[in-house]
Amino acid sequence: MTPAYNDLLPVPPQGLAAVPGAEAPTLPRRPYYAHDSRLLPGAPSSVREARAYVRTALTSWCVPVAVVDDLLIITSELATNAVEHTTSTRIRIVVVVTVTAAQVAVIDQGPRRPIRPGPTPADESGRGLSIVEALAERWGHRRAGTGSAVWARAALVPEQAA
């Protein structure tokens, strides 16, 4: 039986502790460790899908909005590089959260490490890895099977104990 509106207890100004028998609601907490990945086609439309996937994962794990925003820009840059500068037919997006950091990685089928071309002011592209470097606490690359993985990490402030 669903309680009627009048049966619901109002919350007093002192909070739920002032209501006998009421328990304080539990707030969502960031996990100590969480990870997930998604395989996407190596196509330009996958950049948008990668951002949406990373946003959903990070927000579900209670990562602060400012960190999510930075990692979304990073995801865009890394996914764009993977689909534009390799012949990958698919890319894998990996998201990891620990107590101290959130990290994204894009794994492609390209056999070489990322190149920072050093664009001139007139160039319309070539700044992606500089943007990643500016937003990330750390970033790097490594071999991943026959391809490569480029990753970036953003620091998280530990949650304060209640």
N, C-alpha and C. Protein backbone atom coordinates (compact mmCIF):
# COMPACT_ATOMS: atom_id res chain seq x y z
N MET A 1 0.84 -1.18 0.00
CA MET A 1 0.00 0.00 0.00
C MET A 1 0.89 1.24 0.00
N THR A 2 0.64 2.14 -0.91
CA THR A 2 1.41 3.38 -1.00
C THR A 2 0.87 4.37 0.02
N PRO A 3 1.78 4.99 0.82
CA PRO A 3 1.30 5.95 1.81
C PRO A 3 0.71 7.18 1.14
N ALA A 4 -0.30 7.75 1.78
CA ALA A 4 -0.89 8.98 1.29
C ALA A 4 0.08 10.13 1.55
N TYR A 5 -0.11 11.22 0.85
CA TYR A 5 0.77 12.38 0.99
C TYR A 5 0.85 12.83 2.45
N ASN A 6 -0.25 12.82 3.16
CA ASN A 6 -0.27 13.28 4.56
C ASN A 6 0.48 12.33 5.49
N ASP A 7 0.69 11.08 5.06
CA ASP A 7 1.40 10.12 5.89
C ASP A 7 2.91 10.33 5.87
N LEU A 8 3.40 11.12 4.91
CA LEU A 8 4.84 11.35 4.81
C LEU A 8 5.28 12.35 5.87
N LEU A 9 6.37 12.04 6.53
CA LEU A 9 6.88 12.94 7.57
C LEU A 9 7.65 14.08 6.95
N PRO A 10 7.36 15.31 7.35
CA PRO A 10 8.18 16.42 6.87
C PRO A 10 9.54 16.36 7.56
N VAL A 11 10.57 16.84 6.89
CA VAL A 11 11.90 16.86 7.49
C VAL A 11 12.05 18.17 8.24
N PRO A 12 12.29 18.10 9.56
CA PRO A 12 12.43 19.32 10.35
C PRO A 12 13.74 20.04 10.01
N PRO A 13 13.84 21.32 10.39
CA PRO A 13 15.06 22.08 10.09
C PRO A 13 16.33 21.45 10.69
N GLN A 14 16.18 20.67 11.77
CA GLN A 14 17.35 20.04 12.40
C GLN A 14 17.80 18.80 11.62
N GLY A 15 17.10 18.41 10.60
CA GLY A 15 17.46 17.26 9.80
C GLY A 15 16.75 16.00 10.28
N LEU A 16 17.08 14.88 9.65
CA LEU A 16 16.42 13.62 9.96
C LEU A 16 16.76 13.10 11.35
N ALA A 17 17.86 13.55 11.93
CA ALA A 17 18.22 13.09 13.27
C ALA A 17 17.17 13.49 14.29
N ALA A 18 16.39 14.52 13.99
CA ALA A 18 15.36 14.98 14.92
C ALA A 18 14.06 14.17 14.82
N VAL A 19 13.95 13.30 13.83
CA VAL A 19 12.75 12.48 13.64
C VAL A 19 13.02 11.11 14.25
N PRO A 20 12.29 10.74 15.32
CA PRO A 20 12.52 9.43 15.93
C PRO A 20 12.31 8.30 14.93
N GLY A 21 13.26 7.38 14.88
CA GLY A 21 13.15 6.22 14.02
C GLY A 21 13.54 6.46 12.57
N ALA A 22 13.83 7.71 12.20
CA ALA A 22 14.19 8.00 10.81
C ALA A 22 15.69 7.78 10.63
N GLU A 23 16.04 7.27 9.49
CA GLU A 23 17.45 7.08 9.17
C GLU A 23 17.86 8.08 8.11
N ALA A 24 19.06 8.56 8.23
CA ALA A 24 19.58 9.49 7.23
C ALA A 24 19.77 8.73 5.91
N PRO A 25 19.44 9.36 4.81
CA PRO A 25 19.63 8.67 3.54
C PRO A 25 21.12 8.48 3.27
N THR A 26 21.45 7.41 2.60
CA THR A 26 22.84 7.20 2.23
C THR A 26 23.09 7.88 0.90
N LEU A 27 24.15 8.62 0.83
CA LEU A 27 24.51 9.31 -0.39
C LEU A 27 25.38 8.39 -1.24
N PRO A 28 25.27 8.51 -2.54
CA PRO A 28 26.14 7.68 -3.37
C PRO A 28 27.59 8.04 -3.11
N ARG A 29 28.44 7.04 -3.10
CA ARG A 29 29.86 7.26 -2.87
C ARG A 29 30.64 6.74 -4.06
N ARG A 30 31.76 7.38 -4.26
CA ARG A 30 32.66 6.93 -5.32
C ARG A 30 33.24 5.58 -4.92
N PRO A 31 33.30 4.64 -5.82
CA PRO A 31 33.86 3.32 -5.48
C PRO A 31 35.37 3.42 -5.25
N TYR A 32 35.94 2.45 -4.54
CA TYR A 32 37.39 2.42 -4.36
C TYR A 32 38.08 2.09 -5.68
N TYR A 33 37.43 1.28 -6.49
CA TYR A 33 37.98 0.93 -7.79
C TYR A 33 36.83 0.51 -8.69
N ALA A 34 36.82 1.06 -9.88
CA ALA A 34 35.82 0.66 -10.86
C ALA A 34 36.45 0.77 -12.25
N HIS A 35 36.07 -0.11 -13.14
CA HIS A 35 36.56 -0.01 -14.51
C HIS A 35 35.53 -0.60 -15.46
N ASP A 36 35.60 -0.14 -16.69
CA ASP A 36 34.71 -0.65 -17.73
C ASP A 36 35.33 -0.29 -19.07
N SER A 37 34.88 -0.93 -20.11
CA SER A 37 35.37 -0.58 -21.44
C SER A 37 34.27 -0.83 -22.47
N ARG A 38 34.42 -0.19 -23.60
CA ARG A 38 33.45 -0.33 -24.68
C ARG A 38 34.18 -0.35 -26.01
N LEU A 39 33.80 -1.27 -26.86
CA LEU A 39 34.36 -1.38 -28.20
C LEU A 39 33.47 -0.61 -29.17
N LEU A 40 34.08 0.27 -29.97
CA LEU A 40 33.34 1.09 -30.92
C LEU A 40 33.96 0.96 -32.31
N PRO A 41 33.19 1.24 -33.35
CA PRO A 41 33.76 1.23 -34.70
C PRO A 41 34.82 2.33 -34.83
N GLY A 42 35.78 2.12 -35.69
CA GLY A 42 36.80 3.14 -35.95
C GLY A 42 36.29 4.18 -36.93
N ALA A 43 35.24 4.88 -36.55
CA ALA A 43 34.58 5.85 -37.43
C ALA A 43 34.41 7.17 -36.69
N PRO A 44 34.35 8.29 -37.42
CA PRO A 44 34.19 9.59 -36.76
C PRO A 44 32.98 9.67 -35.82
N SER A 45 31.90 8.98 -36.14
CA SER A 45 30.71 9.01 -35.27
C SER A 45 30.98 8.39 -33.90
N SER A 46 32.03 7.59 -33.79
CA SER A 46 32.35 6.95 -32.52
C SER A 46 32.90 7.93 -31.49
N VAL A 47 33.38 9.08 -31.93
CA VAL A 47 33.90 10.07 -30.98
C VAL A 47 32.77 10.55 -30.06
N ARG A 48 31.61 10.83 -30.63
CA ARG A 48 30.45 11.24 -29.82
C ARG A 48 30.01 10.10 -28.89
N GLU A 49 29.99 8.88 -29.42
CA GLU A 49 29.62 7.72 -28.60
C GLU A 49 30.61 7.52 -27.45
N ALA A 50 31.88 7.73 -27.72
CA ALA A 50 32.91 7.59 -26.69
C ALA A 50 32.68 8.60 -25.56
N ARG A 51 32.41 9.84 -25.92
CA ARG A 51 32.14 10.88 -24.90
C ARG A 51 30.91 10.51 -24.07
N ALA A 52 29.85 10.08 -24.71
CA ALA A 52 28.63 9.72 -23.98
C ALA A 52 28.89 8.56 -23.04
N TYR A 53 29.63 7.58 -23.50
CA TYR A 53 29.95 6.42 -22.67
C TYR A 53 30.78 6.83 -21.46
N VAL A 54 31.82 7.65 -21.67
CA VAL A 54 32.68 8.10 -20.57
C VAL A 54 31.88 8.94 -19.58
N ARG A 55 31.02 9.83 -20.07
CA ARG A 55 30.19 10.65 -19.17
C ARG A 55 29.31 9.75 -18.29
N THR A 56 28.65 8.78 -18.90
CA THR A 56 27.77 7.88 -18.15
C THR A 56 28.54 7.11 -17.09
N ALA A 57 29.69 6.55 -17.47
CA ALA A 57 30.48 5.77 -16.51
C ALA A 57 30.96 6.63 -15.36
N LEU A 58 31.57 7.77 -15.67
CA LEU A 58 32.14 8.61 -14.61
C LEU A 58 31.08 9.19 -13.68
N THR A 59 29.96 9.63 -14.23
CA THR A 59 28.93 10.18 -13.35
C THR A 59 28.29 9.10 -12.50
N SER A 60 28.17 7.88 -13.04
CA SER A 60 27.60 6.79 -12.22
C SER A 60 28.53 6.41 -11.08
N TRP A 61 29.82 6.72 -11.23
CA TRP A 61 30.80 6.43 -10.18
C TRP A 61 31.09 7.65 -9.31
N CYS A 62 30.24 8.68 -9.41
CA CYS A 62 30.30 9.87 -8.56
C CYS A 62 31.59 10.67 -8.71
N VAL A 63 32.13 10.71 -9.90
CA VAL A 63 33.31 11.53 -10.16
C VAL A 63 32.85 12.98 -10.26
N PRO A 64 33.59 13.91 -9.65
CA PRO A 64 33.19 15.33 -9.68
C PRO A 64 33.04 15.86 -11.11
N VAL A 65 32.10 16.78 -11.27
CA VAL A 65 31.75 17.31 -12.59
C VAL A 65 32.96 17.92 -13.30
N ALA A 66 33.80 18.66 -12.58
CA ALA A 66 34.97 19.29 -13.22
C ALA A 66 35.91 18.25 -13.80
N VAL A 67 36.09 17.14 -13.11
CA VAL A 67 36.96 16.06 -13.61
C VAL A 67 36.31 15.38 -14.81
N VAL A 68 35.00 15.16 -14.73
CA VAL A 68 34.28 14.56 -15.86
C VAL A 68 34.44 15.45 -17.09
N ASP A 69 34.26 16.76 -16.93
CA ASP A 69 34.38 17.67 -18.07
C ASP A 69 35.76 17.59 -18.71
N ASP A 70 36.82 17.59 -17.89
CA ASP A 70 38.18 17.48 -18.44
C ASP A 70 38.38 16.16 -19.16
N LEU A 71 37.90 15.08 -18.57
CA LEU A 71 38.09 13.77 -19.21
C LEU A 71 37.25 13.61 -20.47
N LEU A 72 36.14 14.33 -20.58
CA LEU A 72 35.36 14.30 -21.82
C LEU A 72 36.12 14.97 -22.96
N ILE A 73 36.78 16.09 -22.67
CA ILE A 73 37.60 16.76 -23.69
C ILE A 73 38.75 15.85 -24.09
N ILE A 74 39.39 15.25 -23.09
CA ILE A 74 40.50 14.32 -23.36
C ILE A 74 40.02 13.15 -24.21
N THR A 75 38.87 12.59 -23.85
CA THR A 75 38.31 11.47 -24.62
C THR A 75 38.09 11.88 -26.07
N SER A 76 37.55 13.07 -26.29
CA SER A 76 37.34 13.56 -27.66
C SER A 76 38.64 13.61 -28.44
N GLU A 77 39.66 14.16 -27.81
CA GLU A 77 40.95 14.29 -28.50
C GLU A 77 41.56 12.93 -28.82
N LEU A 78 41.57 12.03 -27.84
CA LEU A 78 42.18 10.72 -28.05
C LEU A 78 41.40 9.88 -29.05
N ALA A 79 40.07 9.90 -28.96
CA ALA A 79 39.25 9.13 -29.90
C ALA A 79 39.37 9.70 -31.31
N THR A 80 39.39 11.02 -31.43
CA THR A 80 39.56 11.65 -32.73
C THR A 80 40.88 11.24 -33.36
N ASN A 81 41.95 11.29 -32.57
CA ASN A 81 43.26 10.87 -33.09
C ASN A 81 43.22 9.42 -33.55
N ALA A 82 42.57 8.56 -32.78
CA ALA A 82 42.52 7.14 -33.13
C ALA A 82 41.79 6.90 -34.44
N VAL A 83 40.69 7.61 -34.67
CA VAL A 83 39.93 7.36 -35.90
C VAL A 83 40.48 8.13 -37.10
N GLU A 84 41.15 9.25 -36.87
CA GLU A 84 41.67 10.04 -38.00
C GLU A 84 43.08 9.65 -38.42
N HIS A 85 43.90 9.21 -37.48
CA HIS A 85 45.31 9.00 -37.78
C HIS A 85 45.75 7.54 -37.78
N THR A 86 44.79 6.62 -37.72
CA THR A 86 45.12 5.20 -37.84
C THR A 86 44.13 4.59 -38.82
N THR A 87 44.39 3.36 -39.18
CA THR A 87 43.46 2.63 -40.06
C THR A 87 42.60 1.67 -39.24
N SER A 88 42.38 2.02 -37.98
CA SER A 88 41.63 1.15 -37.06
C SER A 88 40.20 0.95 -37.56
N THR A 89 39.77 -0.31 -37.55
CA THR A 89 38.38 -0.60 -37.85
C THR A 89 37.53 -0.56 -36.58
N ARG A 90 38.22 -0.58 -35.42
CA ARG A 90 37.53 -0.46 -34.14
C ARG A 90 38.49 0.16 -33.13
N ILE A 91 37.90 0.80 -32.12
CA ILE A 91 38.67 1.37 -31.01
C ILE A 91 38.02 0.93 -29.72
N ARG A 92 38.80 0.80 -28.68
CA ARG A 92 38.26 0.45 -27.37
C ARG A 92 38.47 1.64 -26.44
N ILE A 93 37.40 2.02 -25.74
CA ILE A 93 37.46 3.09 -24.76
C ILE A 93 37.47 2.42 -23.38
N VAL A 94 38.44 2.76 -22.55
CA VAL A 94 38.57 2.18 -21.22
C VAL A 94 38.47 3.30 -20.20
N VAL A 95 37.68 3.09 -19.16
CA VAL A 95 37.52 4.06 -18.09
C VAL A 95 37.84 3.36 -16.77
N VAL A 96 38.69 3.99 -15.97
CA VAL A 96 39.08 3.44 -14.67
C VAL A 96 38.99 4.54 -13.63
N VAL A 97 38.44 4.19 -12.47
CA VAL A 97 38.39 5.13 -11.35
C VAL A 97 38.96 4.44 -10.13
N THR A 98 39.87 5.13 -9.45
CA THR A 98 40.40 4.66 -8.17
C THR A 98 40.10 5.73 -7.13
N VAL A 99 40.57 5.53 -5.93
CA VAL A 99 40.34 6.52 -4.88
C VAL A 99 41.01 7.84 -5.22
N THR A 100 42.14 7.81 -5.92
CA THR A 100 42.90 9.03 -6.17
C THR A 100 42.86 9.56 -7.59
N ALA A 101 42.32 8.79 -8.54
CA ALA A 101 42.37 9.25 -9.93
C ALA A 101 41.26 8.63 -10.78
N ALA A 102 40.95 9.34 -11.85
CA ALA A 102 40.08 8.80 -12.90
C ALA A 102 40.89 8.81 -14.18
N GLN A 103 40.76 7.77 -14.97
CA GLN A 103 41.60 7.63 -16.16
C GLN A 103 40.78 7.13 -17.33
N VAL A 104 41.09 7.67 -18.51
CA VAL A 104 40.51 7.16 -19.74
C VAL A 104 41.65 6.72 -20.65
N ALA A 105 41.38 5.73 -21.46
CA ALA A 105 42.35 5.27 -22.46
C ALA A 105 41.60 4.95 -23.73
N VAL A 106 42.26 5.18 -24.85
CA VAL A 106 41.73 4.79 -26.15
C VAL A 106 42.74 3.84 -26.77
N ILE A 107 42.28 2.66 -27.07
CA ILE A 107 43.14 1.64 -27.67
C ILE A 107 42.73 1.50 -29.13
N ASP A 108 43.71 1.66 -30.02
CA ASP A 108 43.43 1.55 -31.44
C ASP A 108 44.27 0.44 -32.05
N GLN A 109 44.15 0.27 -33.35
CA GLN A 109 44.90 -0.75 -34.06
C GLN A 109 46.11 -0.17 -34.77
N GLY A 110 46.43 1.08 -34.46
CA GLY A 110 47.59 1.73 -35.07
C GLY A 110 48.88 1.25 -34.44
N PRO A 111 49.87 0.90 -35.23
CA PRO A 111 51.08 0.30 -34.69
C PRO A 111 52.10 1.29 -34.13
N ARG A 112 51.86 2.59 -34.23
CA ARG A 112 52.89 3.51 -33.77
C ARG A 112 52.40 4.40 -32.63
N ARG A 113 53.36 5.01 -31.97
CA ARG A 113 53.04 5.88 -30.84
C ARG A 113 52.48 7.21 -31.36
N PRO A 114 51.80 7.96 -30.50
CA PRO A 114 51.24 9.25 -30.93
C PRO A 114 52.35 10.25 -31.27
N ILE A 115 52.07 11.10 -32.22
CA ILE A 115 53.03 12.10 -32.66
C ILE A 115 52.46 13.49 -32.38
N ARG A 116 53.29 14.33 -31.78
CA ARG A 116 52.91 15.73 -31.54
C ARG A 116 53.56 16.58 -32.62
N PRO A 117 52.79 17.03 -33.61
CA PRO A 117 53.39 17.69 -34.77
C PRO A 117 53.94 19.10 -34.51
N GLY A 118 53.53 19.79 -33.47
CA GLY A 118 53.98 21.16 -33.26
C GLY A 118 53.39 22.10 -34.29
N PRO A 119 52.08 22.33 -34.21
CA PRO A 119 51.41 23.15 -35.23
C PRO A 119 51.83 24.63 -35.15
N THR A 120 51.70 25.29 -36.27
CA THR A 120 51.91 26.74 -36.29
C THR A 120 50.59 27.42 -35.93
N PRO A 121 50.62 28.71 -35.59
CA PRO A 121 49.36 29.40 -35.27
C PRO A 121 48.32 29.36 -36.38
N ALA A 122 48.76 29.21 -37.63
CA ALA A 122 47.82 29.17 -38.76
C ALA A 122 47.19 27.79 -38.96
N ASP A 123 47.77 26.75 -38.38
CA ASP A 123 47.23 25.40 -38.55
C ASP A 123 45.88 25.25 -37.85
N GLU A 124 44.98 24.51 -38.50
CA GLU A 124 43.65 24.29 -37.93
C GLU A 124 43.57 23.03 -37.08
N SER A 125 44.60 22.23 -37.07
CA SER A 125 44.60 21.01 -36.27
C SER A 125 46.02 20.76 -35.75
N GLY A 126 46.16 19.68 -34.99
CA GLY A 126 47.47 19.33 -34.48
C GLY A 126 47.71 19.71 -33.03
N ARG A 127 46.67 20.15 -32.33
CA ARG A 127 46.83 20.58 -30.94
C ARG A 127 46.24 19.60 -29.93
N GLY A 128 45.71 18.48 -30.39
CA GLY A 128 45.01 17.55 -29.52
C GLY A 128 45.82 17.06 -28.35
N LEU A 129 47.05 16.59 -28.59
CA LEU A 129 47.86 16.07 -27.49
C LEU A 129 48.33 17.18 -26.56
N SER A 130 48.47 18.39 -27.07
CA SER A 130 48.80 19.52 -26.19
C SER A 130 47.63 19.82 -25.25
N ILE A 131 46.42 19.69 -25.76
CA ILE A 131 45.23 19.87 -24.92
C ILE A 131 45.18 18.78 -23.86
N VAL A 132 45.44 17.54 -24.27
CA VAL A 132 45.46 16.42 -23.32
C VAL A 132 46.49 16.68 -22.24
N GLU A 133 47.67 17.10 -22.63
CA GLU A 133 48.73 17.36 -21.66
C GLU A 133 48.35 18.48 -20.69
N ALA A 134 47.67 19.50 -21.18
CA ALA A 134 47.26 20.62 -20.33
C ALA A 134 46.19 20.22 -19.32
N LEU A 135 45.29 19.30 -19.69
CA LEU A 135 44.18 18.94 -18.82
C LEU A 135 44.48 17.77 -17.89
N ALA A 136 45.41 16.91 -18.28
CA ALA A 136 45.66 15.68 -17.52
C ALA A 136 46.73 15.90 -16.45
N GLU A 137 46.57 15.16 -15.36
CA GLU A 137 47.62 15.12 -14.35
C GLU A 137 48.84 14.41 -14.95
N ARG A 138 48.58 13.32 -15.64
CA ARG A 138 49.60 12.54 -16.35
C ARG A 138 48.95 11.95 -17.59
N TRP A 139 49.76 11.68 -18.60
CA TRP A 139 49.26 10.98 -19.78
C TRP A 139 50.43 10.23 -20.39
N GLY A 140 50.10 9.26 -21.24
CA GLY A 140 51.15 8.49 -21.87
C GLY A 140 50.59 7.53 -22.89
N HIS A 141 51.44 6.66 -23.36
CA HIS A 141 51.03 5.67 -24.35
C HIS A 141 51.84 4.40 -24.12
N ARG A 142 51.31 3.31 -24.64
CA ARG A 142 51.99 2.02 -24.56
C ARG A 142 51.48 1.12 -25.67
N ARG A 143 52.23 0.10 -25.98
CA ARG A 143 51.78 -0.89 -26.94
C ARG A 143 50.62 -1.66 -26.34
N ALA A 144 49.68 -2.02 -27.16
CA ALA A 144 48.52 -2.81 -26.72
C ALA A 144 48.24 -3.83 -27.81
N GLY A 145 48.82 -5.00 -27.66
CA GLY A 145 48.68 -6.02 -28.70
C GLY A 145 49.35 -5.54 -29.97
N THR A 146 48.61 -5.50 -31.08
CA THR A 146 49.17 -5.00 -32.33
C THR A 146 48.91 -3.52 -32.51
N GLY A 147 48.27 -2.90 -31.54
CA GLY A 147 47.95 -1.47 -31.62
C GLY A 147 48.63 -0.69 -30.52
N SER A 148 48.04 0.43 -30.18
CA SER A 148 48.59 1.25 -29.11
C SER A 148 47.45 1.80 -28.26
N ALA A 149 47.79 2.09 -27.01
CA ALA A 149 46.85 2.68 -26.07
C ALA A 149 47.41 4.03 -25.65
N VAL A 150 46.58 5.04 -25.74
CA VAL A 150 46.94 6.36 -25.23
C VAL A 150 46.00 6.63 -24.08
N TRP A 151 46.56 7.01 -22.93
CA TRP A 151 45.77 7.18 -21.72
C TRP A 151 46.05 8.55 -21.10
N ALA A 152 45.11 8.99 -20.29
CA ALA A 152 45.27 10.24 -19.54
C ALA A 152 44.58 10.09 -18.19
N ARG A 153 45.19 10.65 -17.18
CA ARG A 153 44.70 10.53 -15.80
C ARG A 153 44.44 11.91 -15.21
N ALA A 154 43.34 12.01 -14.48
CA ALA A 154 43.00 13.23 -13.74
C ALA A 154 42.93 12.89 -12.26
N ALA A 155 43.50 13.74 -11.43
CA ALA A 155 43.51 13.50 -9.99
C ALA A 155 42.12 13.71 -9.41
N LEU A 156 41.82 12.94 -8.37
CA LEU A 156 40.58 13.10 -7.61
C LEU A 156 40.95 13.46 -6.17
N VAL A 157 40.19 14.34 -5.60
CA VAL A 157 40.37 14.66 -4.20
C VAL A 157 39.64 13.59 -3.41
N PRO A 158 40.33 12.94 -2.45
CA PRO A 158 39.64 11.90 -1.67
C PRO A 158 38.42 12.48 -0.95
N GLU A 159 37.37 11.67 -0.89
CA GLU A 159 36.17 12.09 -0.18
C GLU A 159 36.48 12.21 1.30
N GLN A 160 35.91 13.22 1.93
CA GLN A 160 36.13 13.39 3.36
C GLN A 160 35.27 12.42 4.13
N ALA A 161 35.82 11.91 5.20
CA ALA A 161 35.08 10.96 6.04
C ALA A 161 33.93 11.69 6.72
N ALA A 162 32.82 11.01 6.84
CA ALA A 162 31.65 11.63 7.47
C ALA A 162 31.79 11.62 8.97
